[in-house]
């Protein structure tokens, strides 16, 4: 029988977000939840206590978040003004460091060990962590991948990065998988920065999620809904099946694996999320309704 879900708590605080929430991500141990918003705020929530712990207020909208894999107290933030911020979180405060990274808004981040990939419009850069431990981490750029191959169908299309994932294969111990809205799926050797393979995908890729073993790729397609692919190898990607989803609004919708990659959750444009069990392909719909709160200055 597919898992059933129900809401247990509504996270709301007067010092929290007062504009649209753009991204949410759990810490590696699941104890903290970070949320970023158009109001320039990063909110750190305690999952067990169901309360807000810290609020960082910046001058630029927060578009992407990623926790360091080896630490539950260090968070990377991609900002609308092209900067990347590092937040070191303690029980008492948040320490901030940052640097200018891109000419465009930083909409995608992916962390693998001491490597960070960032995506902004058509740019994809790889950074290396130069300090670890309890101190603030600093980053140095180690390279930038080239633009994806173009065909007669995509020659006039804007190059736009829609997701980043780290994976590996026997011949390539470190692979960066990049998806583009119109230019499909491209894999790069993270060591040489050379392209390994490119796969075209009909439609427009809005978002993707890679399973923890790197074998399954869920795609949110703005023309067809949610699709599932089998990643046999970086050069061999096989479509499996798709999930019916209303895409008439023409908006990019998020998609994520959950519960040990046994299900996927996808957004909608009308205030609910859908969860599909991958074994039975049955769907449960959860409506998102909540309260609003006035905006106060964070700290």
Protein backbone atom coordinates (compact mmCIF):
# COMPACT_ATOMS: atom_id res chain seq x y z
CA UNK A 1 0.00 0.00 0.00
CA UNK A 2 1.40 3.47 -0.88
CA UNK A 3 2.46 5.73 1.95
CA UNK A 4 -0.14 8.26 3.05
CA UNK A 5 0.75 11.79 4.13
CA UNK A 6 -0.85 14.40 6.32
CA UNK A 7 0.28 17.80 7.57
CA UNK A 8 1.63 17.76 11.11
CA UNK A 9 2.74 21.35 11.61
CA UNK A 10 2.61 24.75 9.93
CA UNK A 11 5.88 26.69 10.22
CA UNK A 12 5.01 30.34 10.69
CA UNK A 13 6.66 33.18 12.57
CA UNK A 14 6.35 36.96 12.59
CA UNK A 15 10.09 37.26 11.89
CA UNK A 16 9.93 34.75 9.03
CA UNK A 17 9.30 35.39 5.37
CA UNK A 18 7.12 38.29 4.26
CA UNK A 19 7.37 37.53 0.55
CA UNK A 20 7.45 34.47 -1.66
CA UNK A 21 9.52 31.47 -0.50
CA UNK A 22 11.79 30.35 -3.33
CA UNK A 23 13.59 27.32 -1.89
CA UNK A 24 13.62 24.97 1.10
CA UNK A 25 16.18 22.31 2.03
CA UNK A 26 16.75 19.98 4.99
CA UNK A 27 20.14 19.71 6.70
CA UNK A 28 22.01 16.38 6.21
CA UNK A 29 20.79 15.04 9.58
CA UNK A 30 17.23 16.27 9.02
CA UNK A 31 17.22 18.34 12.20
CA UNK A 32 17.19 21.77 10.52
CA UNK A 33 15.19 23.21 7.65
CA UNK A 34 16.47 26.24 5.76
CA UNK A 35 14.17 28.41 3.67
CA UNK A 36 15.06 31.29 1.36
CA UNK A 37 12.81 33.95 -0.07
CA UNK A 38 12.33 36.91 -2.36
CA UNK A 39 12.50 39.12 0.75
CA UNK A 40 16.25 38.40 1.04
CA UNK A 41 15.78 36.29 4.15
CA UNK A 42 17.18 32.90 5.08
CA UNK A 43 15.21 31.29 7.90
CA UNK A 44 16.62 28.37 9.91
CA UNK A 45 13.92 26.21 11.51
CA UNK A 46 14.30 23.45 14.09
CA UNK A 47 12.43 20.40 12.81
CA UNK A 48 12.03 18.60 16.18
CA UNK A 49 11.04 21.79 18.02
CA UNK A 50 8.89 23.15 15.16
CA UNK A 51 10.21 26.67 15.69
CA UNK A 52 12.39 29.28 14.05
CA UNK A 53 15.98 29.53 15.33
CA UNK A 54 17.63 32.21 13.20
CA UNK A 55 16.78 34.73 10.51
CA UNK A 56 19.40 36.22 8.22
CA UNK A 57 18.26 39.28 6.27
CA UNK A 58 20.12 40.27 3.12
CA UNK A 59 19.60 42.87 0.41
CA UNK A 60 19.16 40.40 -2.46
CA UNK A 61 16.56 37.70 -3.04
CA UNK A 62 17.66 34.18 -2.08
CA UNK A 63 17.14 31.81 -5.03
CA UNK A 64 18.97 28.61 -4.05
CA UNK A 65 20.27 26.82 -0.94
CA UNK A 66 22.58 23.87 -0.28
CA UNK A 67 23.95 22.42 2.98
CA UNK A 68 27.53 21.21 3.10
CA UNK A 69 27.43 17.41 3.15
CA UNK A 70 29.88 17.07 6.04
CA UNK A 71 28.32 19.72 8.27
CA UNK A 72 24.87 20.41 9.64
CA UNK A 73 25.76 23.99 10.46
CA UNK A 74 27.07 25.38 7.16
CA UNK A 75 24.74 26.59 4.44
CA UNK A 76 25.46 27.92 0.95
CA UNK A 77 23.10 30.53 -0.51
CA UNK A 78 22.72 31.60 -4.14
CA UNK A 79 21.58 35.20 -4.48
CA UNK A 80 19.75 37.17 -7.17
CA UNK A 81 22.62 39.69 -7.45
CA UNK A 82 25.09 36.96 -8.52
CA UNK A 83 26.76 36.45 -5.16
CA UNK A 84 27.17 33.24 -3.19
CA UNK A 85 26.93 33.53 0.60
CA UNK A 86 28.21 31.05 3.20
CA UNK A 87 26.38 30.91 6.53
CA UNK A 88 27.96 29.25 9.58
CA UNK A 89 25.20 28.53 12.07
CA UNK A 90 25.69 28.22 15.83
CA UNK A 91 23.17 28.01 18.64
CA UNK A 92 23.61 31.72 19.27
CA UNK A 93 24.19 33.36 15.90
CA UNK A 94 24.90 33.18 12.17
CA UNK A 95 28.28 34.12 10.71
CA UNK A 96 28.31 35.38 7.14
CA UNK A 97 30.88 35.28 4.38
CA UNK A 98 30.37 35.65 0.65
CA UNK A 99 31.76 36.47 -2.76
CA UNK A 100 30.62 37.60 -6.19
CA UNK A 101 30.31 34.53 -8.42
CA UNK A 102 28.20 35.19 -11.51
CA UNK A 103 26.94 37.90 -13.82
CA UNK A 104 23.45 36.45 -13.42
CA UNK A 105 21.20 35.35 -10.53
CA UNK A 106 22.51 32.16 -8.88
CA UNK A 107 19.51 29.85 -9.26
CA UNK A 108 21.18 26.44 -8.86
CA UNK A 109 23.66 24.97 -6.35
CA UNK A 110 25.00 21.44 -5.84
CA UNK A 111 27.54 20.26 -3.25
CA UNK A 112 29.71 17.13 -3.36
CA UNK A 113 32.33 16.82 -0.62
CA UNK A 114 34.56 19.87 -0.97
CA UNK A 115 33.23 20.77 -4.41
CA UNK A 116 30.48 23.24 -5.17
CA UNK A 117 28.75 23.73 -8.53
CA UNK A 118 26.77 26.88 -9.19
CA UNK A 119 24.47 27.66 -12.09
CA UNK A 120 23.35 31.11 -13.21
CA UNK A 121 21.55 31.58 -16.52
CA UNK A 122 24.01 30.01 -19.02
CA UNK A 123 26.99 29.87 -16.65
CA UNK A 124 28.07 26.78 -14.69
CA UNK A 125 31.10 27.12 -12.43
CA UNK A 126 32.87 24.67 -10.13
CA UNK A 127 34.41 25.80 -6.84
CA UNK A 128 36.71 24.08 -4.34
CA UNK A 129 36.48 24.49 -0.58
CA UNK A 130 39.72 25.83 0.84
CA UNK A 131 38.94 25.63 4.57
CA UNK A 132 36.89 23.22 6.65
CA UNK A 133 35.86 22.56 10.22
CA UNK A 134 34.18 25.04 12.47
CA UNK A 135 35.67 28.04 10.71
CA UNK A 136 33.96 29.81 7.83
CA UNK A 137 34.54 28.02 4.54
CA UNK A 138 36.09 29.89 1.65
CA UNK A 139 35.87 28.89 -2.00
CA UNK A 140 38.10 29.21 -5.04
CA UNK A 141 36.99 28.70 -8.61
CA UNK A 142 38.53 25.68 -10.31
CA UNK A 143 36.75 25.89 -13.64
CA UNK A 144 33.71 26.64 -15.76
CA UNK A 145 32.00 24.20 -18.11
CA UNK A 146 31.31 25.11 -21.71
CA UNK A 147 27.93 25.75 -23.25
CA UNK A 148 25.78 22.77 -24.30
CA UNK A 149 25.70 21.59 -27.91
CA UNK A 150 23.05 23.16 -30.10
CA UNK A 151 20.92 21.78 -32.91
CA UNK A 152 18.78 23.41 -35.56
CA UNK A 153 15.89 23.19 -33.07
CA UNK A 154 17.71 24.91 -30.21
CA UNK A 155 19.93 27.38 -32.06
CA UNK A 156 17.63 30.29 -31.26
CA UNK A 157 16.82 29.22 -27.70
CA UNK A 158 18.20 30.92 -24.61
CA UNK A 159 20.69 28.73 -22.72
CA UNK A 160 19.28 28.39 -19.20
CA UNK A 161 20.56 26.03 -16.49
CA UNK A 162 17.67 24.36 -14.63
CA UNK A 163 19.43 21.83 -12.36
CA UNK A 164 22.83 20.55 -11.20
CA UNK A 165 23.70 17.13 -9.78
CA UNK A 166 26.90 15.32 -8.80
CA UNK A 167 27.21 11.65 -9.74
CA UNK A 168 29.86 9.13 -10.83
CA UNK A 169 30.55 6.23 -13.18
CA UNK A 170 33.34 3.63 -13.49
CA UNK A 171 35.27 5.71 -16.04
CA UNK A 172 34.49 9.05 -14.41
CA UNK A 173 34.74 9.21 -10.61
CA UNK A 174 33.25 12.71 -10.53
CA UNK A 175 30.57 13.77 -13.00
CA UNK A 176 28.52 16.95 -13.04
CA UNK A 177 25.09 16.44 -14.57
CA UNK A 178 23.57 19.66 -15.89
CA UNK A 179 20.09 20.11 -17.31
CA UNK A 180 19.09 23.03 -19.49
CA UNK A 181 15.58 24.23 -20.22
CA UNK A 182 15.85 23.75 -24.00
CA UNK A 183 19.18 21.97 -24.43
CA UNK A 184 18.52 18.70 -22.62
CA UNK A 185 20.78 16.74 -20.26
CA UNK A 186 24.56 17.20 -20.43
CA UNK A 187 27.18 15.39 -18.34
CA UNK A 188 30.69 16.75 -17.76
CA UNK A 189 33.85 15.19 -16.36
CA UNK A 190 34.43 17.34 -13.27
CA UNK A 191 38.19 16.78 -13.44
CA UNK A 192 38.79 17.81 -17.04
CA UNK A 193 35.58 19.85 -17.50
CA UNK A 194 35.10 18.09 -20.84
CA UNK A 195 31.65 17.07 -22.00
CA UNK A 196 30.94 13.34 -21.56
CA UNK A 197 27.55 13.13 -23.27
CA UNK A 198 24.51 15.17 -24.24
CA UNK A 199 20.93 13.91 -24.46
CA UNK A 200 18.10 15.95 -25.97
CA UNK A 201 14.73 15.94 -24.21
CA UNK A 202 11.58 17.08 -26.07
CA UNK A 203 9.89 19.98 -24.30
CA UNK A 204 11.27 22.33 -21.67
CA UNK A 205 13.05 21.05 -18.56
CA UNK A 206 12.02 23.18 -15.56
CA UNK A 207 13.55 21.12 -12.75
CA UNK A 208 14.98 17.68 -12.02
CA UNK A 209 15.81 15.39 -9.11
CA UNK A 210 18.44 12.64 -9.09
CA UNK A 211 17.97 9.56 -6.91
CA UNK A 212 20.55 8.93 -4.19
CA UNK A 213 22.15 6.07 -6.17
CA UNK A 214 22.28 8.14 -9.36
CA UNK A 215 20.13 5.62 -11.25
CA UNK A 216 16.89 7.54 -11.64
CA UNK A 217 16.27 11.07 -12.88
CA UNK A 218 12.89 12.72 -12.38
CA UNK A 219 12.18 15.60 -14.76
CA UNK A 220 9.60 18.35 -14.52
CA UNK A 221 8.76 19.10 -18.16
CA UNK A 222 6.80 22.27 -18.85
CA UNK A 223 5.13 20.64 -21.87
CA UNK A 224 4.45 17.09 -20.72
CA UNK A 225 4.42 16.96 -16.92
CA UNK A 226 6.68 14.76 -14.77
CA UNK A 227 8.87 12.11 -16.40
CA UNK A 228 11.15 9.39 -15.02
CA UNK A 229 14.41 8.32 -16.70
CA UNK A 230 16.83 5.47 -16.02
CA UNK A 231 20.47 6.59 -15.92
CA UNK A 232 22.21 3.43 -17.16
CA UNK A 233 25.41 5.37 -17.83
CA UNK A 234 26.36 9.00 -18.56
CA UNK A 235 25.95 8.19 -22.26
CA UNK A 236 22.86 5.97 -21.90
CA UNK A 237 19.66 7.52 -20.58
CA UNK A 238 16.42 5.59 -21.02
CA UNK A 239 12.88 6.99 -20.54
CA UNK A 240 10.75 4.85 -18.21
CA UNK A 241 7.31 6.43 -17.75
CA UNK A 242 5.55 9.70 -17.11
CA UNK A 243 3.01 11.08 -14.63
CA UNK A 244 0.00 13.07 -15.78
CA UNK A 245 0.25 16.66 -14.61
CA UNK A 246 -1.62 19.84 -15.57
CA UNK A 247 0.93 22.07 -17.32
CA UNK A 248 -1.56 24.44 -18.94
CA UNK A 249 -0.34 27.37 -16.80
CA UNK A 250 3.08 27.15 -18.45
CA UNK A 251 4.94 27.60 -15.15
CA UNK A 252 8.08 25.79 -13.98
CA UNK A 253 7.17 23.24 -11.30
CA UNK A 254 9.56 21.65 -8.78
CA UNK A 255 10.06 17.89 -8.45
CA UNK A 256 11.94 15.86 -5.79
CA UNK A 257 12.50 12.25 -4.78
CA UNK A 258 11.49 11.37 -1.24
CA UNK A 259 11.34 8.43 1.18
CA UNK A 260 14.42 6.61 -0.06
CA UNK A 261 13.58 7.31 -3.70
CA UNK A 262 10.38 5.28 -3.44
CA UNK A 263 8.20 8.25 -4.40
CA UNK A 264 8.39 11.65 -6.03
CA UNK A 265 6.70 14.88 -5.01
CA UNK A 266 5.81 17.52 -7.55
CA UNK A 267 4.42 21.02 -7.34
CA UNK A 268 1.42 22.50 -9.11
CA UNK A 269 0.32 25.99 -10.10
CA UNK A 270 -2.86 25.86 -8.00
CA UNK A 271 -1.86 25.48 -4.36
CA UNK A 272 -1.28 21.76 -3.92
CA UNK A 273 1.44 19.14 -4.26
CA UNK A 274 1.13 15.64 -5.71
CA UNK A 275 2.99 12.57 -4.43
CA UNK A 276 3.38 9.49 -6.63
CA UNK A 277 4.38 6.07 -5.35
CA UNK A 278 6.87 4.77 -7.93
CA UNK A 279 5.87 1.13 -7.47
CA UNK A 280 2.10 1.46 -7.81
CA UNK A 281 2.16 4.87 -9.58
CA UNK A 282 -0.77 5.90 -7.40
CA UNK A 283 -1.07 9.59 -6.57
CA UNK A 284 -1.97 11.44 -3.39
CA UNK A 285 -2.75 15.15 -3.57
CA UNK A 286 -2.09 17.47 -0.63
CA UNK A 287 -3.55 20.96 -0.62
CA UNK A 288 -1.31 23.72 0.74
CA UNK A 289 -3.34 26.25 2.69
CA UNK A 290 -2.06 28.53 5.37
CA UNK A 291 -1.98 31.88 7.03
CA UNK A 292 -0.19 35.07 6.23
CA UNK A 293 1.89 37.10 8.63
CA UNK A 294 3.04 40.66 8.84
CA UNK A 295 6.64 41.43 8.00
CA UNK A 296 9.08 42.40 10.74
CA UNK A 297 12.78 43.12 10.53
CA UNK A 298 14.86 39.98 10.93
CA UNK A 299 18.27 39.77 12.56
